[in-house]
Amino acid sequence: MTVREYNTAVDEYADALFRFVLKNINDRDAAKDIMQDVFEKVWLKRDGIEFEKVKSYLFTAAYRTMLDAIKKTKKHDAEPEKVAARLGYESEEVDLSEVLENALSRLPEQQKAVIMLRDYEGYSYEEIGEITGLSESQVKVYIYRGRMALKNYLVDINLVL
């Protein structure tokens, strides 16, 4: 990949990649750090990456870097106050986007990632499989299970009250 192609890849895919990472980890600073790491990895390996496959490479690298960051954060984020604040609702009015974010945060990392790639970014099952390293059938299973978990959480009567 040439320098021009690298710059084109940054221009074309940076926004979608950032949205994907941010929706999964809900931390703007951490998402920026992950983005920086991903684009650095691509820059260092640019000679071995074909421009036609750079999108898949970027999302794969972002997915794996994001999982590493999530694992590190979970070790440090076990404080009860943070967990309670993240799961609780302060106001009596329910913000639907907040409820959805809370529902997504309850999913396992792989289910959340494949749902975000499919429903937010519009990737096909095959592309998601390439990005995550899962088989196409496993991607479908994770999406189904994740959607069912979201459905069960979102129809909980306690959220409506």
C-alpha atoms as a PDB file:
ATOM      1  CA  MET A   1       0.000   0.000   0.000  1.00  0.00           C
ATOM      2  CA  THR A   2       1.349   3.399  -0.911  1.00  0.00           C
ATOM      3  CA  VAL A   3       1.324   6.499   1.273  1.00  0.00           C
ATOM      4  CA  ARG A   4      -1.463   7.949  -0.867  1.00  0.00           C
ATOM      5  CA  GLU A   5      -3.543   4.786  -0.426  1.00  0.00           C
ATOM      6  CA  TYR A   6      -2.916   4.872   3.326  1.00  0.00           C
ATOM      7  CA  ASN A   7      -4.143   8.472   3.489  1.00  0.00           C
ATOM      8  CA  THR A   8      -7.186   7.526   1.418  1.00  0.00           C
ATOM      9  CA  ALA A   9      -7.931   4.658   3.814  1.00  0.00           C
ATOM     10  CA  VAL A  10      -7.701   7.024   6.787  1.00  0.00           C
ATOM     11  CA  ASP A  11     -10.057   9.496   5.103  1.00  0.00           C
ATOM     12  CA  GLU A  12     -12.570   6.830   4.055  1.00  0.00           C
ATOM     13  CA  TYR A  13     -12.688   4.581   7.107  1.00  0.00           C
ATOM     14  CA  ALA A  14     -11.662   6.588  10.173  1.00  0.00           C
ATOM     15  CA  ASP A  15     -15.180   7.812  11.018  1.00  0.00           C
ATOM     16  CA  ALA A  16     -16.851   4.412  10.708  1.00  0.00           C
ATOM     17  CA  LEU A  17     -14.032   2.761  12.628  1.00  0.00           C
ATOM     18  CA  PHE A  18     -14.248   5.341  15.410  1.00  0.00           C
ATOM     19  CA  ARG A  19     -18.043   4.913  15.667  1.00  0.00           C
ATOM     20  CA  PHE A  20     -17.612   1.145  15.887  1.00  0.00           C
ATOM     21  CA  VAL A  21     -15.042   1.352  18.675  1.00  0.00           C
ATOM     22  CA  LEU A  22     -16.853   4.117  20.569  1.00  0.00           C
ATOM     23  CA  LYS A  23     -20.194   2.279  20.495  1.00  0.00           C
ATOM     24  CA  ASN A  24     -18.508  -0.807  21.911  1.00  0.00           C
ATOM     25  CA  ILE A  25     -16.528   0.773  24.732  1.00  0.00           C
ATOM     26  CA  ASN A  26     -18.404   4.041  25.468  1.00  0.00           C
ATOM     27  CA  ASP A  27     -15.206   5.921  26.273  1.00  0.00           C
ATOM     28  CA  ARG A  28     -14.177   8.621  23.820  1.00  0.00           C
ATOM     29  CA  ASP A  29     -10.567   8.869  25.050  1.00  0.00           C
ATOM     30  CA  ALA A  30     -10.051   5.109  24.977  1.00  0.00           C
ATOM     31  CA  ALA A  31     -11.599   4.975  21.506  1.00  0.00           C
ATOM     32  CA  LYS A  32      -9.154   7.629  20.306  1.00  0.00           C
ATOM     33  CA  ASP A  33      -6.261   5.643  21.774  1.00  0.00           C
ATOM     34  CA  ILE A  34      -7.436   2.494  20.040  1.00  0.00           C
ATOM     35  CA  MET A  35      -7.792   4.365  16.761  1.00  0.00           C
ATOM     36  CA  GLN A  36      -4.270   5.684  17.071  1.00  0.00           C
ATOM     37  CA  ASP A  37      -2.940   2.188  17.773  1.00  0.00           C
ATOM     38  CA  VAL A  38      -4.819   0.730  14.808  1.00  0.00           C
ATOM     39  CA  PHE A  39      -3.642   3.315  12.321  1.00  0.00           C
ATOM     40  CA  GLU A  40      -0.091   2.980  13.643  1.00  0.00           C
ATOM     41  CA  LYS A  41      -0.266  -0.798  13.081  1.00  0.00           C
ATOM     42  CA  VAL A  42      -1.516  -0.269   9.546  1.00  0.00           C
ATOM     43  CA  TRP A  43       1.214   2.282   8.862  1.00  0.00           C
ATOM     44  CA  LEU A  44       3.931  -0.047  10.097  1.00  0.00           C
ATOM     45  CA  LYS A  45       2.590  -2.946   8.021  1.00  0.00           C
ATOM     46  CA  ARG A  46       1.519  -0.935   4.984  1.00  0.00           C
ATOM     47  CA  ASP A  47       3.928  -2.740   2.661  1.00  0.00           C
ATOM     48  CA  GLY A  48       2.217  -6.065   3.329  1.00  0.00           C
ATOM     49  CA  ILE A  49      -1.374  -4.821   3.082  1.00  0.00           C
ATOM     50  CA  GLU A  50      -3.266  -4.632  -0.183  1.00  0.00           C
ATOM     51  CA  PHE A  51      -5.341  -1.486  -0.522  1.00  0.00           C
ATOM     52  CA  GLU A  52      -8.408  -3.517  -1.531  1.00  0.00           C
ATOM     53  CA  LYS A  53      -8.273  -5.332   1.828  1.00  0.00           C
ATOM     54  CA  VAL A  54      -7.394  -2.390   4.067  1.00  0.00           C
ATOM     55  CA  LYS A  55     -10.972  -1.908   5.317  1.00  0.00           C
ATOM     56  CA  SER A  56     -11.148  -5.481   6.582  1.00  0.00           C
ATOM     57  CA  TYR A  57      -7.662  -5.171   8.081  1.00  0.00           C
ATOM     58  CA  LEU A  58      -8.592  -1.929   9.881  1.00  0.00           C
ATOM     59  CA  PHE A  59     -11.753  -3.361  11.433  1.00  0.00           C
ATOM     60  CA  THR A  60     -10.004  -6.587  12.385  1.00  0.00           C
ATOM     61  CA  ALA A  61      -7.189  -4.690  14.064  1.00  0.00           C
ATOM     62  CA  ALA A  62      -9.680  -2.377  15.797  1.00  0.00           C
ATOM     63  CA  TYR A  63     -11.742  -5.325  17.001  1.00  0.00           C
ATOM     64  CA  ARG A  64      -8.731  -7.122  18.473  1.00  0.00           C
ATOM     65  CA  THR A  65      -7.223  -3.978  19.988  1.00  0.00           C
ATOM     66  CA  MET A  66     -10.597  -3.100  21.464  1.00  0.00           C
ATOM     67  CA  LEU A  67     -10.957  -6.555  23.054  1.00  0.00           C
ATOM     68  CA  ASP A  68      -7.517  -6.182  24.617  1.00  0.00           C
ATOM     69  CA  ALA A  69      -8.488  -2.766  25.991  1.00  0.00           C
ATOM     70  CA  ILE A  70     -11.766  -4.132  27.374  1.00  0.00           C
ATOM     71  CA  LYS A  71      -9.944  -6.951  29.148  1.00  0.00           C
ATOM     72  CA  LYS A  72      -7.520  -4.476  30.731  1.00  0.00           C
ATOM     73  CA  THR A  73     -10.354  -2.163  31.778  1.00  0.00           C
ATOM     74  CA  LYS A  74     -12.403  -4.935  33.368  1.00  0.00           C
ATOM     75  CA  LYS A  75      -9.566  -5.686  35.737  1.00  0.00           C
ATOM     76  CA  HIS A  76      -9.557  -2.064  36.931  1.00  0.00           C
ATOM     77  CA  ASP A  77     -13.287  -1.327  36.665  1.00  0.00           C
ATOM     78  CA  ALA A  78     -14.549  -3.625  39.381  1.00  0.00           C
ATOM     79  CA  GLU A  79     -15.305  -0.744  41.766  1.00  0.00           C
ATOM     80  CA  PRO A  80     -18.954  -1.004  42.898  1.00  0.00           C
ATOM     81  CA  GLU A  81     -19.625   2.747  42.656  1.00  0.00           C
ATOM     82  CA  LYS A  82     -18.682   2.842  38.980  1.00  0.00           C
ATOM     83  CA  VAL A  83     -20.728  -0.210  38.168  1.00  0.00           C
ATOM     84  CA  ALA A  84     -23.783   1.120  40.032  1.00  0.00           C
ATOM     85  CA  ALA A  85     -23.505   4.520  38.370  1.00  0.00           C
ATOM     86  CA  ARG A  86     -23.199   2.929  34.944  1.00  0.00           C
ATOM     87  CA  LEU A  87     -26.270   0.731  35.452  1.00  0.00           C
ATOM     88  CA  GLY A  88     -28.505   3.146  37.361  1.00  0.00           C
ATOM     89  CA  TYR A  89     -30.789   5.854  36.110  1.00  0.00           C
ATOM     90  CA  GLU A  90     -30.727   9.208  37.882  1.00  0.00           C
ATOM     91  CA  SER A  91     -33.767  10.836  36.340  1.00  0.00           C
ATOM     92  CA  GLU A  92     -37.347   9.655  36.364  1.00  0.00           C
ATOM     93  CA  GLU A  93     -37.622  10.199  32.623  1.00  0.00           C
ATOM     94  CA  VAL A  94     -36.156   7.319  30.700  1.00  0.00           C
ATOM     95  CA  ASP A  95     -33.852   8.225  27.830  1.00  0.00           C
ATOM     96  CA  LEU A  96     -34.237   5.494  25.210  1.00  0.00           C
ATOM     97  CA  SER A  97     -30.692   5.876  23.915  1.00  0.00           C
ATOM     98  CA  GLU A  98     -29.422   5.469  27.482  1.00  0.00           C
ATOM     99  CA  VAL A  99     -31.522   2.327  27.922  1.00  0.00           C
ATOM    100  CA  LEU A 100     -30.192   0.929  24.646  1.00  0.00           C
ATOM    101  CA  GLU A 101     -26.600   1.744  25.601  1.00  0.00           C
ATOM    102  CA  ASN A 102     -27.140   0.038  28.943  1.00  0.00           C
ATOM    103  CA  ALA A 103     -28.621  -3.008  27.213  1.00  0.00           C
ATOM    104  CA  LEU A 104     -25.681  -3.188  24.813  1.00  0.00           C
ATOM    105  CA  SER A 105     -23.198  -2.854  27.666  1.00  0.00           C
ATOM    106  CA  ARG A 106     -24.629  -6.019  29.253  1.00  0.00           C
ATOM    107  CA  LEU A 107     -23.782  -8.166  26.237  1.00  0.00           C
ATOM    108  CA  PRO A 108     -20.568 -10.195  26.034  1.00  0.00           C
ATOM    109  CA  GLU A 109     -17.889  -8.421  23.961  1.00  0.00           C
ATOM    110  CA  GLN A 110     -18.172 -10.685  20.918  1.00  0.00           C
ATOM    111  CA  GLN A 111     -21.969 -10.443  20.739  1.00  0.00           C
ATOM    112  CA  LYS A 112     -21.847  -6.685  21.114  1.00  0.00           C
ATOM    113  CA  ALA A 113     -19.149  -6.345  18.462  1.00  0.00           C
ATOM    114  CA  VAL A 114     -20.939  -8.454  15.850  1.00  0.00           C
ATOM    115  CA  ILE A 115     -24.234  -6.659  16.475  1.00  0.00           C
ATOM    116  CA  MET A 116     -22.519  -3.292  16.112  1.00  0.00           C
ATOM    117  CA  LEU A 117     -20.809  -4.379  12.897  1.00  0.00           C
ATOM    118  CA  ARG A 118     -24.049  -5.742  11.448  1.00  0.00           C
ATOM    119  CA  ASP A 119     -26.687  -3.272  12.629  1.00  0.00           C
ATOM    120  CA  TYR A 120     -24.709  -0.039  12.966  1.00  0.00           C
ATOM    121  CA  GLU A 121     -22.054  -0.427  10.280  1.00  0.00           C
ATOM    122  CA  GLY A 122     -23.984  -2.621   7.826  1.00  0.00           C
ATOM    123  CA  TYR A 123     -21.407  -5.347   7.263  1.00  0.00           C
ATOM    124  CA  SER A 124     -22.413  -8.704   5.805  1.00  0.00           C
ATOM    125  CA  TYR A 125     -22.078 -11.878   7.845  1.00  0.00           C
ATOM    126  CA  GLU A 126     -19.094 -12.905   5.737  1.00  0.00           C
ATOM    127  CA  GLU A 127     -17.323  -9.569   6.301  1.00  0.00           C
ATOM    128  CA  ILE A 128     -17.989  -9.755  10.042  1.00  0.00           C
ATOM    129  CA  GLY A 129     -16.504 -13.242  10.046  1.00  0.00           C
ATOM    130  CA  GLU A 130     -13.355 -11.929   8.377  1.00  0.00           C
ATOM    131  CA  ILE A 131     -13.070  -9.067  10.845  1.00  0.00           C
ATOM    132  CA  THR A 132     -13.654 -11.125  13.974  1.00  0.00           C
ATOM    133  CA  GLY A 133     -12.094 -14.400  12.881  1.00  0.00           C
ATOM    134  CA  LEU A 134     -15.387 -16.244  13.442  1.00  0.00           C
ATOM    135  CA  SER A 135     -17.170 -18.517  10.989  1.00  0.00           C
ATOM    136  CA  GLU A 136     -20.197 -17.096   9.226  1.00  0.00           C
ATOM    137  CA  SER A 137     -22.507 -19.461  11.122  1.00  0.00           C
ATOM    138  CA  GLN A 138     -20.960 -18.452  14.457  1.00  0.00           C
ATOM    139  CA  VAL A 139     -21.473 -14.780  13.555  1.00  0.00           C
ATOM    140  CA  LYS A 140     -25.150 -15.511  12.914  1.00  0.00           C
ATOM    141  CA  VAL A 141     -25.445 -17.335  16.237  1.00  0.00           C
ATOM    142  CA  TYR A 142     -23.819 -14.462  18.175  1.00  0.00           C
ATOM    143  CA  ILE A 143     -26.048 -11.909  16.459  1.00  0.00           C
ATOM    144  CA  TYR A 144     -29.161 -13.963  17.180  1.00  0.00           C
ATOM    145  CA  ARG A 145     -28.248 -14.521  20.833  1.00  0.00           C
ATOM    146  CA  GLY A 146     -27.283 -10.882  21.272  1.00  0.00           C
ATOM    147  CA  ARG A 147     -30.525  -9.656  19.742  1.00  0.00           C
ATOM    148  CA  MET A 148     -32.529 -12.011  21.937  1.00  0.00           C
ATOM    149  CA  ALA A 149     -30.703 -10.767  25.040  1.00  0.00           C
ATOM    150  CA  LEU A 150     -31.389  -7.166  23.970  1.00  0.00           C
ATOM    151  CA  LYS A 151     -35.035  -7.972  23.357  1.00  0.00           C
ATOM    152  CA  ASN A 152     -35.418  -9.637  26.746  1.00  0.00           C
ATOM    153  CA  TYR A 153     -33.749  -6.721  28.486  1.00  0.00           C
ATOM    154  CA  LEU A 154     -35.648  -4.029  26.607  1.00  0.00           C
ATOM    155  CA  VAL A 155     -39.106  -5.525  27.210  1.00  0.00           C
ATOM    156  CA  ASP A 156     -38.524  -5.778  30.934  1.00  0.00           C
ATOM    157  CA  ILE A 157     -41.495  -4.109  32.596  1.00  0.00           C
ATOM    158  CA  ASN A 158     -39.253  -2.413  35.172  1.00  0.00           C
ATOM    159  CA  LEU A 159     -37.750  -0.226  32.445  1.00  0.00           C
ATOM    160  CA  VAL A 160     -41.144   1.034  31.382  1.00  0.00           C
ATOM    161  CA  LEU A 161     -42.114   2.173  34.881  1.00  0.00           C
END
